C-alpha atoms as a PDB file:
ATOM      1  CA  MET A   1      98.115  90.631  83.886  1.00  0.00           C
ATOM      2  CA  LEU A   2      99.571  92.310  86.765  1.00  0.00           C
ATOM      3  CA  ALA A   3     100.663  94.594  89.441  1.00  0.00           C
ATOM      4  CA  ILE A   4     101.366  98.111  90.735  1.00  0.00           C
ATOM      5  CA  VAL A   5     103.977 100.389  91.613  1.00  0.00           C
ATOM      6  CA  LEU A   6     105.256 103.638  92.436  1.00  0.00           C
ATOM      7  CA  SER A   7     107.981 102.818  93.030  1.00  0.00           C
ATOM      8  CA  ALA A   8     106.705 100.075  91.457  1.00  0.00           C
ATOM      9  CA  VAL A   9     103.473 100.752  91.239  1.00  0.00           C
ATOM     10  CA  ALA A  10     101.019 100.317  91.324  1.00  0.00           C
ATOM     11  CA  GLY A  11      93.425  98.902  87.620  1.00  0.00           C
ATOM     12  CA  GLY A  12      91.253  96.551  89.399  1.00  0.00           C
ATOM     13  CA  ILE A  13      92.499  93.452  91.040  1.00  0.00           C
ATOM     14  CA  ALA A  14      91.468  91.890  87.790  1.00  0.00           C
ATOM     15  CA  TYR A  15      94.399  93.721  86.230  1.00  0.00           C
ATOM     16  CA  PHE A  16      96.710  92.112  88.706  1.00  0.00           C
ATOM     17  CA  MET A  17      95.345  88.697  89.122  1.00  0.00           C
ATOM     18  CA  PRO A  18      97.846  86.908  86.949  1.00  0.00           C
ATOM     19  CA  ALA A  19     100.576  88.759  88.919  1.00  0.00           C
ATOM     20  CA  ALA A  20      99.238  87.057  92.037  1.00  0.00           C
ATOM     21  CA  GLN A  21      99.548  83.692  90.285  1.00  0.00           C
ATOM     22  CA  LEU A  22     103.122  84.606  89.366  1.00  0.00           C
ATOM     23  CA  ALA A  23     103.992  85.509  92.883  1.00  0.00           C
ATOM     24  CA  LEU A  24     102.744  82.206  94.174  1.00  0.00           C
ATOM     25  CA  ASP A  25     104.620  80.335  91.503  1.00  0.00           C
ATOM     26  CA  SER A  26     107.783  82.331  92.218  1.00  0.00           C
ATOM     27  CA  THR A  27     107.804  82.277  96.004  1.00  0.00           C
ATOM     28  CA  GLY A  28     105.271  79.659  97.038  1.00  0.00           C
ATOM     29  CA  GLN A  29     104.167  82.097  99.725  1.00  0.00           C
ATOM     30  CA  VAL A  30     100.863  83.553 100.751  1.00  0.00           C
ATOM     31  CA  ILE A  31     100.665  86.291 103.397  1.00  0.00           C
ATOM     32  CA  ARG A  32      97.489  86.239 105.432  1.00  0.00           C
ATOM     33  CA  VAL A  33      95.859  89.499 106.438  1.00  0.00           C
ATOM     34  CA  PRO A  34      94.805  91.656 108.238  1.00  0.00           C
ATOM     35  CA  THR A  35      96.938  90.607 111.219  1.00  0.00           C
ATOM     36  CA  PRO A  36      99.675  93.230 111.933  1.00  0.00           C
ATOM     37  CA  SER A  37     102.392  90.682 111.217  1.00  0.00           C
ATOM     38  CA  PRO A  38     101.126  88.552 108.302  1.00  0.00           C
ATOM     39  CA  THR A  39     101.864  84.829 108.429  1.00  0.00           C
ATOM     40  CA  GLN A  40     103.646  83.188 105.526  1.00  0.00           C
ATOM     41  CA  LEU A  41     102.287  79.799 104.444  1.00  0.00           C
ATOM     42  CA  LEU A  42     103.759  77.381 101.999  1.00  0.00           C
ATOM     43  CA  ILE A  43     101.404  76.148  99.257  1.00  0.00           C
ATOM     44  CA  SER A  44     101.830  73.909  96.271  1.00  0.00           C
ATOM     45  CA  PRO A  45     102.156  75.805  92.983  1.00  0.00           C
ATOM     46  CA  SER A  46      99.736  74.979  90.110  1.00  0.00           C
ATOM     47  CA  PRO A  47     101.228  72.168  87.981  1.00  0.00           C
ATOM     48  CA  THR A  48     100.282  73.440  84.579  1.00  0.00           C
ATOM     49  CA  GLY A  49      98.203  76.410  83.678  1.00  0.00           C
ATOM     50  CA  ALA A  50      95.476  77.883  85.961  1.00  0.00           C
ATOM     51  CA  PRO A  51      93.160  75.551  87.794  1.00  0.00           C
ATOM     52  CA  SER A  52      89.528  75.598  86.840  1.00  0.00           C
ATOM     53  CA  ALA A  53      87.043  77.194  89.163  1.00  0.00           C
ATOM     54  CA  ALA A  54      83.699  79.014  89.215  1.00  0.00           C
ATOM     55  CA  PRO A  55      83.838  82.633  88.213  1.00  0.00           C
ATOM     56  CA  VAL A  56      83.774  85.416  90.834  1.00  0.00           C
ATOM     57  CA  ALA A  57      80.218  86.549  91.632  1.00  0.00           C
ATOM     58  CA  GLY A  58      80.393  89.128  94.445  1.00  0.00           C
ATOM     59  CA  ALA A  59      82.085  92.531  94.524  1.00  0.00           C
ATOM     60  CA  PHE A  60      85.490  92.674  96.179  1.00  0.00           C
ATOM     61  CA  THR A  61      88.102  95.258  97.178  1.00  0.00           C
ATOM     62  CA  VAL A  62      91.893  94.992  96.998  1.00  0.00           C
ATOM     63  CA  LEU A  63      94.578  97.331  98.318  1.00  0.00           C
ATOM     64  CA  LEU A  64      97.505  97.858  95.943  1.00  0.00           C
ATOM     65  CA  LEU A  65     100.793  98.828  97.518  1.00  0.00           C
ATOM     66  CA  GLY A  66     103.976 100.018  95.824  1.00  0.00           C
ATOM     67  CA  SER A  67     107.206 100.648  97.699  1.00  0.00           C
ATOM     68  CA  ASP A  68     110.666 102.112  97.271  1.00  0.00           C
ATOM     69  CA  ASP A  69     112.669  98.999  98.252  1.00  0.00           C
ATOM     70  CA  ASP A  70     116.101  99.972  97.075  1.00  0.00           C
ATOM     71  CA  SER A  71     119.249  99.587  99.219  1.00  0.00           C
ATOM     72  CA  LYS A  72     118.482 102.747 101.263  1.00  0.00           C
ATOM     73  CA  PHE A  73     115.809 100.814 103.148  1.00  0.00           C
ATOM     74  CA  VAL A  74     115.748  97.752 105.329  1.00  0.00           C
ATOM     75  CA  SER A  75     113.689  95.211 103.460  1.00  0.00           C
ATOM     76  CA  ASP A  76     111.103  94.789 106.226  1.00  0.00           C
ATOM     77  CA  HIS A  77     110.666  98.515 106.743  1.00  0.00           C
ATOM     78  CA  VAL A  78     109.785 100.223 103.476  1.00  0.00           C
ATOM     79  CA  LEU A  79     107.311 103.011 102.883  1.00  0.00           C
ATOM     80  CA  THR A  80     104.395 102.580 100.521  1.00  0.00           C
ATOM     81  CA  GLN A  81     104.945 105.313  97.957  1.00  0.00           C
ATOM     82  CA  SER A  82     101.682 104.235  96.259  1.00  0.00           C
ATOM     83  CA  MET A  83      98.404 103.107  97.830  1.00  0.00           C
ATOM     84  CA  ILE A  84      95.432 102.467  95.592  1.00  0.00           C
ATOM     85  CA  LEU A  85      92.130 100.969  96.685  1.00  0.00           C
ATOM     86  CA  VAL A  86      90.433  99.003  93.896  1.00  0.00           C
ATOM     87  CA  ARG A  87      86.825  97.780  93.953  1.00  0.00           C
ATOM     88  CA  VAL A  88      85.539  95.378  91.270  1.00  0.00           C
ATOM     89  CA  VAL A  89      81.831  94.668  90.773  1.00  0.00           C
ATOM     90  CA  PRO A  90      81.580  91.605  88.546  1.00  0.00           C
ATOM     91  CA  SER A  91      77.840  91.938  87.962  1.00  0.00           C
ATOM     92  CA  THR A  92      78.242  95.346  86.325  1.00  0.00           C
ATOM     93  CA  ARG A  93      81.875  94.887  85.226  1.00  0.00           C
ATOM     94  CA  GLN A  94      82.719  98.172  86.932  1.00  0.00           C
ATOM     95  CA  VAL A  95      86.095  99.027  88.527  1.00  0.00           C
ATOM     96  CA  THR A  96      86.842 101.927  90.858  1.00  0.00           C
ATOM     97  CA  MET A  97      90.395 103.045  91.687  1.00  0.00           C
ATOM     98  CA  LEU A  98      90.935 105.415  94.627  1.00  0.00           C
ATOM     99  CA  SER A  99      94.438 106.840  95.007  1.00  0.00           C
ATOM    100  CA  ILE A 100      95.353 107.557  98.629  1.00  0.00           C
ATOM    101  CA  PRO A 101      97.921 110.381  99.020  1.00  0.00           C
ATOM    102  CA  ARG A 102     101.088 109.017 100.565  1.00  0.00           C
ATOM    103  CA  ASP A 103     101.441 112.115 102.802  1.00  0.00           C
ATOM    104  CA  LEU A 104      97.956 111.949 104.287  1.00  0.00           C
ATOM    105  CA  TRP A 105      98.197 112.350 108.065  1.00  0.00           C
ATOM    106  CA  VAL A 106      96.067 109.690 109.711  1.00  0.00           C
ATOM    107  CA  PRO A 107      95.663 107.576 112.837  1.00  0.00           C
ATOM    108  CA  LEU A 108      97.764 104.398 112.370  1.00  0.00           C
ATOM    109  CA  SER A 109      96.587 100.959 113.420  1.00  0.00           C
ATOM    110  CA  THR A 110      99.942 100.377 115.175  1.00  0.00           C
ATOM    111  CA  GLY A 111      99.278 103.395 117.456  1.00  0.00           C
ATOM    112  CA  GLY A 112      99.587 107.179 117.224  1.00  0.00           C
ATOM    113  CA  SER A 113      99.348 109.190 114.019  1.00  0.00           C
ATOM    114  CA  GLY A 114     101.587 109.644 111.066  1.00  0.00           C
ATOM    115  CA  LYS A 115     101.777 109.746 107.297  1.00  0.00           C
ATOM    116  CA  ILE A 116      99.784 106.865 105.848  1.00  0.00           C
ATOM    117  CA  ASP A 117     102.816 105.672 103.835  1.00  0.00           C
ATOM    118  CA  GLY A 118     104.436 104.586 107.152  1.00  0.00           C
ATOM    119  CA  ALA A 119     101.719 102.109 108.065  1.00  0.00           C
ATOM    120  CA  TYR A 120     103.402  99.317 106.023  1.00  0.00           C
ATOM    121  CA  SER A 121     106.807 100.162 107.388  1.00  0.00           C
ATOM    122  CA  TYR A 122     105.631  99.866 111.015  1.00  0.00           C
ATOM    123  CA  GLY A 123     103.591  96.693 110.634  1.00  0.00           C
ATOM    124  CA  GLY A 124     103.686  95.251 107.162  1.00  0.00           C
ATOM    125  CA  ALA A 125     100.692  94.526 104.926  1.00  0.00           C
ATOM    126  CA  GLY A 126      98.462  93.793 107.929  1.00  0.00           C
ATOM    127  CA  ALA A 127      99.050  97.251 109.428  1.00  0.00           C
ATOM    128  CA  ALA A 128      98.542  98.993 106.091  1.00  0.00           C
ATOM    129  CA  ILE A 129      95.249  97.111 105.514  1.00  0.00           C
ATOM    130  CA  ALA A 130      94.028  97.772 109.069  1.00  0.00           C
ATOM    131  CA  THR A 131      94.921 101.532 108.842  1.00  0.00           C
ATOM    132  CA  VAL A 132      93.156 102.073 105.511  1.00  0.00           C
ATOM    133  CA  SER A 133      90.175  99.974 106.511  1.00  0.00           C
ATOM    134  CA  ARG A 134      89.626 101.767 109.771  1.00  0.00           C
ATOM    135  CA  ASP A 135      90.318 105.316 108.632  1.00  0.00           C
ATOM    136  CA  PHE A 136      88.264 105.106 105.421  1.00  0.00           C
ATOM    137  CA  GLY A 137      85.578 102.804 106.713  1.00  0.00           C
ATOM    138  CA  VAL A 138      85.983 100.182 103.980  1.00  0.00           C
ATOM    139  CA  HIS A 139      86.285  96.379 103.922  1.00  0.00           C
ATOM    140  CA  ILE A 140      89.434  95.125 102.170  1.00  0.00           C
ATOM    141  CA  ASP A 141      89.484  91.537 100.888  1.00  0.00           C
ATOM    142  CA  ASP A 142      92.952  91.210  99.514  1.00  0.00           C
ATOM    143  CA  TYR A 143      96.219  93.068  98.909  1.00  0.00           C
ATOM    144  CA  ILE A 144      99.107  93.059  96.420  1.00  0.00           C
ATOM    145  CA  TRP A 145     102.469  94.581  97.162  1.00  0.00           C
ATOM    146  CA  ILE A 146     105.221  95.185  94.552  1.00  0.00           C
ATOM    147  CA  GLY A 147     108.657  96.874  94.711  1.00  0.00           C
ATOM    148  CA  LEU A 148     110.567  98.991  92.221  1.00  0.00           C
ATOM    149  CA  LEU A 149     112.283  96.275  90.295  1.00  0.00           C
ATOM    150  CA  GLY A 150     109.088  94.225  90.275  1.00  0.00           C
ATOM    151  CA  LEU A 151     107.368  96.933  88.190  1.00  0.00           C
ATOM    152  CA  VAL A 152     110.326  97.234  85.836  1.00  0.00           C
ATOM    153  CA  LYS A 153     110.598  93.495  85.239  1.00  0.00           C
ATOM    154  CA  LEU A 154     106.852  93.130  84.863  1.00  0.00           C
ATOM    155  CA  ILE A 155     106.482  95.737  82.161  1.00  0.00           C
ATOM    156  CA  ASP A 156     109.545  94.520  80.336  1.00  0.00           C
ATOM    157  CA  ALA A 157     108.217  90.963  80.409  1.00  0.00           C
ATOM    158  CA  ILE A 158     104.978  91.960  78.681  1.00  0.00           C
ATOM    159  CA  GLY A 159     106.875  93.910  76.013  1.00  0.00           C
ATOM    160  CA  GLY A 160     106.330  97.422  77.367  1.00  0.00           C
ATOM    161  CA  ILE A 161     103.140  99.535  77.609  1.00  0.00           C
ATOM    162  CA  ASP A 162     101.460 102.211  75.549  1.00  0.00           C
ATOM    163  CA  VAL A 163     100.536 105.421  77.386  1.00  0.00           C
ATOM    164  CA  VAL A 164      99.274 108.801  76.269  1.00  0.00           C
ATOM    165  CA  THR A 165     101.136 110.810  78.879  1.00  0.00           C
ATOM    166  CA  SER A 166      98.875 113.440  80.454  1.00  0.00           C
ATOM    167  CA  HIS A 167     101.581 114.643  82.876  1.00  0.00           C
ATOM    168  CA  PRO A 168     104.979 114.792  81.037  1.00  0.00           C
ATOM    169  CA  VAL A 169     107.990 114.370  83.323  1.00  0.00           C
ATOM    170  CA  MET A 170     111.106 116.495  83.446  1.00  0.00           C
ATOM    171  CA  ASP A 171     113.003 115.750  86.593  1.00  0.00           C
ATOM    172  CA  ASP A 172     116.517 116.891  87.412  1.00  0.00           C
ATOM    173  CA  TYR A 173     116.459 115.171  90.807  1.00  0.00           C
ATOM    174  CA  TYR A 174     115.189 111.714  90.014  1.00  0.00           C
ATOM    175  CA  PRO A 175     116.659 109.070  92.469  1.00  0.00           C
ATOM    176  CA  ALA A 176     119.376 107.044  90.731  1.00  0.00           C
ATOM    177  CA  ASP A 177     119.023 104.351  93.339  1.00  0.00           C
ATOM    178  CA  ILE A 178     118.211 101.274  91.299  1.00  0.00           C
ATOM    179  CA  TYR A 179     120.864 100.911  88.666  1.00  0.00           C
ATOM    180  CA  GLY A 180     123.330 103.546  89.821  1.00  0.00           C
ATOM    181  CA  GLY A 181     126.406 102.932  91.915  1.00  0.00           C
ATOM    182  CA  TRP A 182     125.268 104.968  94.910  1.00  0.00           C
ATOM    183  CA  PRO A 183     121.660 104.800  96.265  1.00  0.00           C
ATOM    184  CA  TYR A 184     121.601 108.496  97.195  1.00  0.00           C
ATOM    185  CA  ASP A 185     122.582 109.766  93.750  1.00  0.00           C
ATOM    186  CA  TYR A 186     120.298 111.662  91.343  1.00  0.00           C
ATOM    187  CA  GLU A 187     119.895 111.734  87.590  1.00  0.00           C
ATOM    188  CA  ARG A 188     117.925 113.695  84.996  1.00  0.00           C
ATOM    189  CA  VAL A 189     114.986 111.903  83.390  1.00  0.00           C
ATOM    190  CA  ALA A 190     112.308 112.942  80.900  1.00  0.00           C
ATOM    191  CA  VAL A 191     109.112 111.349  79.616  1.00  0.00           C
ATOM    192  CA  LEU A 192     107.587 113.615  76.977  1.00  0.00           C
ATOM    193  CA  ALA A 193     103.913 114.430  76.446  1.00  0.00           C
ATOM    194  CA  GLY A 194     101.754 112.494  73.935  1.00  0.00           C
ATOM    195  CA  PRO A 195     101.659 108.850  72.852  1.00  0.00           C
ATOM    196  CA  GLN A 196     104.577 106.903  74.299  1.00  0.00           C
ATOM    197  CA  HIS A 197     105.674 103.261  74.251  1.00  0.00           C
ATOM    198  CA  LEU A 198     107.440 102.792  77.612  1.00  0.00           C
ATOM    199  CA  ASP A 199     109.728 100.002  78.705  1.00  0.00           C
ATOM    200  CA  GLY A 200     109.990  99.117  82.390  1.00  0.00           C
ATOM    201  CA  VAL A 201     112.573 101.706  83.377  1.00  0.00           C
ATOM    202  CA  HIS A 202     110.798 104.608  81.654  1.00  0.00           C
ATOM    203  CA  ALA A 203     107.424 103.500  83.021  1.00  0.00           C
ATOM    204  CA  MET A 204     108.927 103.547  86.548  1.00  0.00           C
ATOM    205  CA  GLN A 205     110.304 107.009  85.887  1.00  0.00           C
ATOM    206  CA  TYR A 206     106.896 108.185  84.749  1.00  0.00           C
ATOM    207  CA  VAL A 207     104.996 106.911  87.823  1.00  0.00           C
ATOM    208  CA  ARG A 208     107.711 107.663  90.414  1.00  0.00           C
ATOM    209  CA  SER A 209     108.940 111.179  89.559  1.00  0.00           C
ATOM    210  CA  ARG A 210     107.966 113.778  92.191  1.00  0.00           C
ATOM    211  CA  HIS A 211     109.444 116.958  90.731  1.00  0.00           C
ATOM    212  CA  GLY A 212     108.219 119.229  87.977  1.00  0.00           C
ATOM    213  CA  ASP A 213     104.538 118.230  88.158  1.00  0.00           C
ATOM    214  CA  LEU A 214     102.342 121.262  88.995  1.00  0.00           C
ATOM    215  CA  GLN A 215      99.919 118.871  90.781  1.00  0.00           C
ATOM    216  CA  SER A 216     102.715 117.322  92.864  1.00  0.00           C
ATOM    217  CA  ASP A 217     101.698 113.922  94.317  1.00  0.00           C
ATOM    218  CA  PHE A 218      98.210 114.213  92.852  1.00  0.00           C
ATOM    219  CA  GLY A 219      99.690 114.352  89.401  1.00  0.00           C
ATOM    220  CA  ARG A 220     101.790 111.329  90.232  1.00  0.00           C
ATOM    221  CA  SER A 221      98.710 109.460  91.400  1.00  0.00           C
ATOM    222  CA  GLN A 222      97.105 110.131  88.052  1.00  0.00           C
ATOM    223  CA  ARG A 223     100.247 108.848  86.253  1.00  0.00           C
ATOM    224  CA  GLN A 224     100.140 105.691  88.346  1.00  0.00           C
ATOM    225  CA  GLN A 225      96.553 104.942  87.372  1.00  0.00           C
ATOM    226  CA  GLU A 226      97.408 105.589  83.686  1.00  0.00           C
ATOM    227  CA  VAL A 227     100.148 102.965  83.848  1.00  0.00           C
ATOM    228  CA  LEU A 228      97.836 100.471  85.635  1.00  0.00           C
ATOM    229  CA  THR A 229      95.307 100.856  82.905  1.00  0.00           C
ATOM    230  CA  ALA A 230      97.996 100.407  80.230  1.00  0.00           C
ATOM    231  CA  ILE A 231      99.191  97.258  81.943  1.00  0.00           C
ATOM    232  CA  ARG A 232      95.598  95.899  81.897  1.00  0.00           C
ATOM    233  CA  VAL A 233      95.309  96.543  78.166  1.00  0.00           C
ATOM    234  CA  LYS A 234      98.609  94.852  77.384  1.00  0.00           C
ATOM    235  CA  ALA A 235      97.860  91.898  79.689  1.00  0.00           C
ATOM    236  CA  LYS A 236      94.791  91.030  77.656  1.00  0.00           C
ATOM    237  CA  GLU A 237      97.164  89.913  74.917  1.00  0.00           C
ATOM    238  CA  LEU A 238      98.758  87.299  77.175  1.00  0.00           C
ATOM    239  CA  SER A 239      97.720  83.661  77.655  1.00  0.00           C
ATOM    240  CA  PRO A 240      98.370  81.049  80.412  1.00  0.00           C
ATOM    241  CA  GLU A 241     101.330  79.841  78.330  1.00  0.00           C
ATOM    242  CA  ASP A 242     103.048  83.181  79.116  1.00  0.00           C
ATOM    243  CA  LEU A 243     102.898  82.626  82.873  1.00  0.00           C
ATOM    244  CA  PRO A 244     106.171  80.692  83.300  1.00  0.00           C
ATOM    245  CA  ALA A 245     108.207  83.383  81.559  1.00  0.00           C
ATOM    246  CA  LEU A 246     106.502  86.136  83.548  1.00  0.00           C
ATOM    247  CA  SER A 247     106.993  84.243  86.819  1.00  0.00           C
ATOM    248  CA  LYS A 248     110.694  83.928  86.105  1.00  0.00           C
ATOM    249  CA  ALA A 249     110.925  87.614  85.208  1.00  0.00           C
ATOM    250  CA  LEU A 250     109.319  88.763  88.452  1.00  0.00           C
ATOM    251  CA  GLY A 251     111.688  86.677  90.527  1.00  0.00           C
ATOM    252  CA  GLY A 252     109.449  86.710  93.561  1.00  0.00           C
ATOM    253  CA  GLU A 253     109.381  90.518  93.876  1.00  0.00           C
ATOM    254  CA  LEU A 254     105.695  90.588  94.658  1.00  0.00           C
ATOM    255  CA  LYS A 255     103.660  89.719  97.801  1.00  0.00           C
ATOM    256  CA  THR A 256      99.994  88.917  98.050  1.00  0.00           C
ATOM    257  CA  ASN A 257      97.403  86.993 100.054  1.00  0.00           C
ATOM    258  CA  ILE A 258      95.541  85.808  96.953  1.00  0.00           C
ATOM    259  CA  GLY A 259      95.555  82.088  96.584  1.00  0.00           C
ATOM    260  CA  ILE A 260      95.700  80.081  93.373  1.00  0.00           C
ATOM    261  CA  SER A 261      92.033  79.058  93.607  1.00  0.00           C
ATOM    262  CA  GLN A 262      91.087  82.779  93.787  1.00  0.00           C
ATOM    263  CA  VAL A 263      93.211  83.481  90.730  1.00  0.00           C
ATOM    264  CA  ALA A 264      91.449  80.794  88.779  1.00  0.00           C
ATOM    265  CA  GLN A 265      88.085  82.284  89.734  1.00  0.00           C
ATOM    266  CA  MET A 266      89.118  85.788  88.635  1.00  0.00           C
ATOM    267  CA  LEU A 267      90.589  84.916  85.241  1.00  0.00           C
ATOM    268  CA  PRO A 268      87.276  84.920  83.372  1.00  0.00           C
ATOM    269  CA  LEU A 269      86.383  88.259  85.038  1.00  0.00           C
ATOM    270  CA  ALA A 270      89.669  89.799  83.978  1.00  0.00           C
ATOM    271  CA  ALA A 271      88.928  89.054  80.327  1.00  0.00           C
ATOM    272  CA  SER A 272      85.459  90.648  80.612  1.00  0.00           C
ATOM    273  CA  LEU A 273      86.632  94.023  81.912  1.00  0.00           C
ATOM    274  CA  ASP A 274      86.927  95.689  78.527  1.00  0.00           C
ATOM    275  CA  ASP A 275      84.864  98.889  78.830  1.00  0.00           C
ATOM    276  CA  PRO A 276      87.069 101.928  79.646  1.00  0.00           C
ATOM    277  CA  ASN A 277      83.949 103.891  80.556  1.00  0.00           C
ATOM    278  CA  ALA A 278      83.288 101.466  83.347  1.00  0.00           C
ATOM    279  CA  ILE A 279      86.493 102.391  85.086  1.00  0.00           C
ATOM    280  CA  HIS A 280      86.116 105.186  87.698  1.00  0.00           C
ATOM    281  CA  GLN A 281      89.253 107.050  88.845  1.00  0.00           C
ATOM    282  CA  VAL A 282      89.007 108.891  92.178  1.00  0.00           C
ATOM    283  CA  PHE A 283      91.584 111.266  93.620  1.00  0.00           C
ATOM    284  CA  LEU A 284      91.528 113.119  96.935  1.00  0.00           C
ATOM    285  CA  LEU A 285      92.283 116.605  95.561  1.00  0.00           C
ATOM    286  CA  PRO A 286      91.422 119.776  97.459  1.00  0.00           C
ATOM    287  CA  PRO A 287      89.020 120.376  99.169  1.00  0.00           C
ATOM    288  CA  TYR A 288      89.197 116.738 100.306  1.00  0.00           C
ATOM    289  CA  THR A 289      92.764 117.332 101.528  1.00  0.00           C
ATOM    290  CA  HIS A 290      94.985 120.334 102.124  1.00  0.00           C
ATOM    291  CA  GLY A 291      98.333 121.198 103.647  1.00  0.00           C
ATOM    292  CA  GLY A 292      99.022 122.089 107.228  1.00  0.00           C
ATOM    293  CA  ALA A 293      99.566 118.778 108.972  1.00  0.00           C
ATOM    294  CA  PRO A 294     102.839 117.838 110.760  1.00  0.00           C
ATOM    295  CA  ASP A 295     106.037 117.261 108.756  1.00  0.00           C
ATOM    296  CA  GLY A 296     104.598 118.853 105.633  1.00  0.00           C
ATOM    297  CA  SER A 297     101.853 116.233 105.368  1.00  0.00           C
ATOM    298  CA  LEU A 298      98.189 116.621 104.306  1.00  0.00           C
ATOM    299  CA  VAL A 299      95.155 117.234 106.408  1.00  0.00           C
ATOM    300  CA  ALA A 300      92.246 114.885 105.617  1.00  0.00           C
ATOM    301  CA  GLU A 301      88.786 116.505 105.543  1.00  0.00           C
ATOM    302  CA  TRP A 302      86.978 113.384 106.656  1.00  0.00           C
ATOM    303  CA  SER A 303      83.560 115.020 106.517  1.00  0.00           C
ATOM    304  CA  LEU A 304      84.041 115.228 102.770  1.00  0.00           C
ATOM    305  CA  ILE A 305      86.237 112.164 102.146  1.00  0.00           C
ATOM    306  CA  LEU A 306      84.059 109.534 103.814  1.00  0.00           C
ATOM    307  CA  PRO A 307      80.802 110.293 101.824  1.00  0.00           C
ATOM    308  CA  LEU A 308      82.872 110.260  98.616  1.00  0.00           C
ATOM    309  CA  VAL A 309      84.591 107.003  99.481  1.00  0.00           C
ATOM    310  CA  HIS A 310      81.423 105.233 100.585  1.00  0.00           C
ATOM    311  CA  GLN A 311      79.744 106.232  97.328  1.00  0.00           C
ATOM    312  CA  TYR A 312      82.181 103.963  95.509  1.00  0.00           C
ATOM    313  CA  PHE A 313      83.112 101.572  98.307  1.00  0.00           C
ATOM    314  CA  PRO A 314      79.821 100.892 100.119  1.00  0.00           C
END
């Protein structure tokens, strides 16, 4: 039933709908987009269970954002270590996940150019949405943002996830910035290959590690999508009665513009997305991107990227 990470990522919105409900129950806040500085509105949480509503009919797109939000960063200025565009087509029950490399050098909606992971830092969710929408030529309906501890708490609250790890992790320089005594410290972590049952901490290590993967950030993007899919599978075992405990576990560490009425409309759709062959995973590997941009970032070959993106995000 829930959200993303990288850092907490980071899967269709259907996978994360209940997380949106939990965020609203926890914080009572909705952030409107795509204005550069989203407005926070107070709303009344649902009294008991999810409200009834007609199911979703039309296709929609959501931007999933995951941030390192440990004590090294000012809370309002965090980078998005994970950005995943998700399109859900209810009529065909198809879901497409497009991972956007965090180091992609792009024009920013706030002015100038920079790595796309800085869009959120410079202008919040509104700036991140505007940047992705303009650069990739897509319409974005909603967003969900989650931090490091949000991912950990979420996965622990649903009893862990089961993943067949395609990219085993062995990292001698993993940031010990969440539970360590010093946010700039490092530790050694390992997530072995094969079938694994991961709790929140180990799932975070699996999606967040940046060292030892021959595919670098592209391998990490694949790991993030694996965890999102595993969360979807586990979430299907949950019921509305589980929402209060999940809401308490998240503790408000999630932001979204999705309202309670939308969540109610999406719940039947979430239960129907049960065909793994209907989930398309898209990655901007070479030749769509390559090195050579400023600050070690990636050059976007837009002549190749845009036709690919518009094939899945018309």
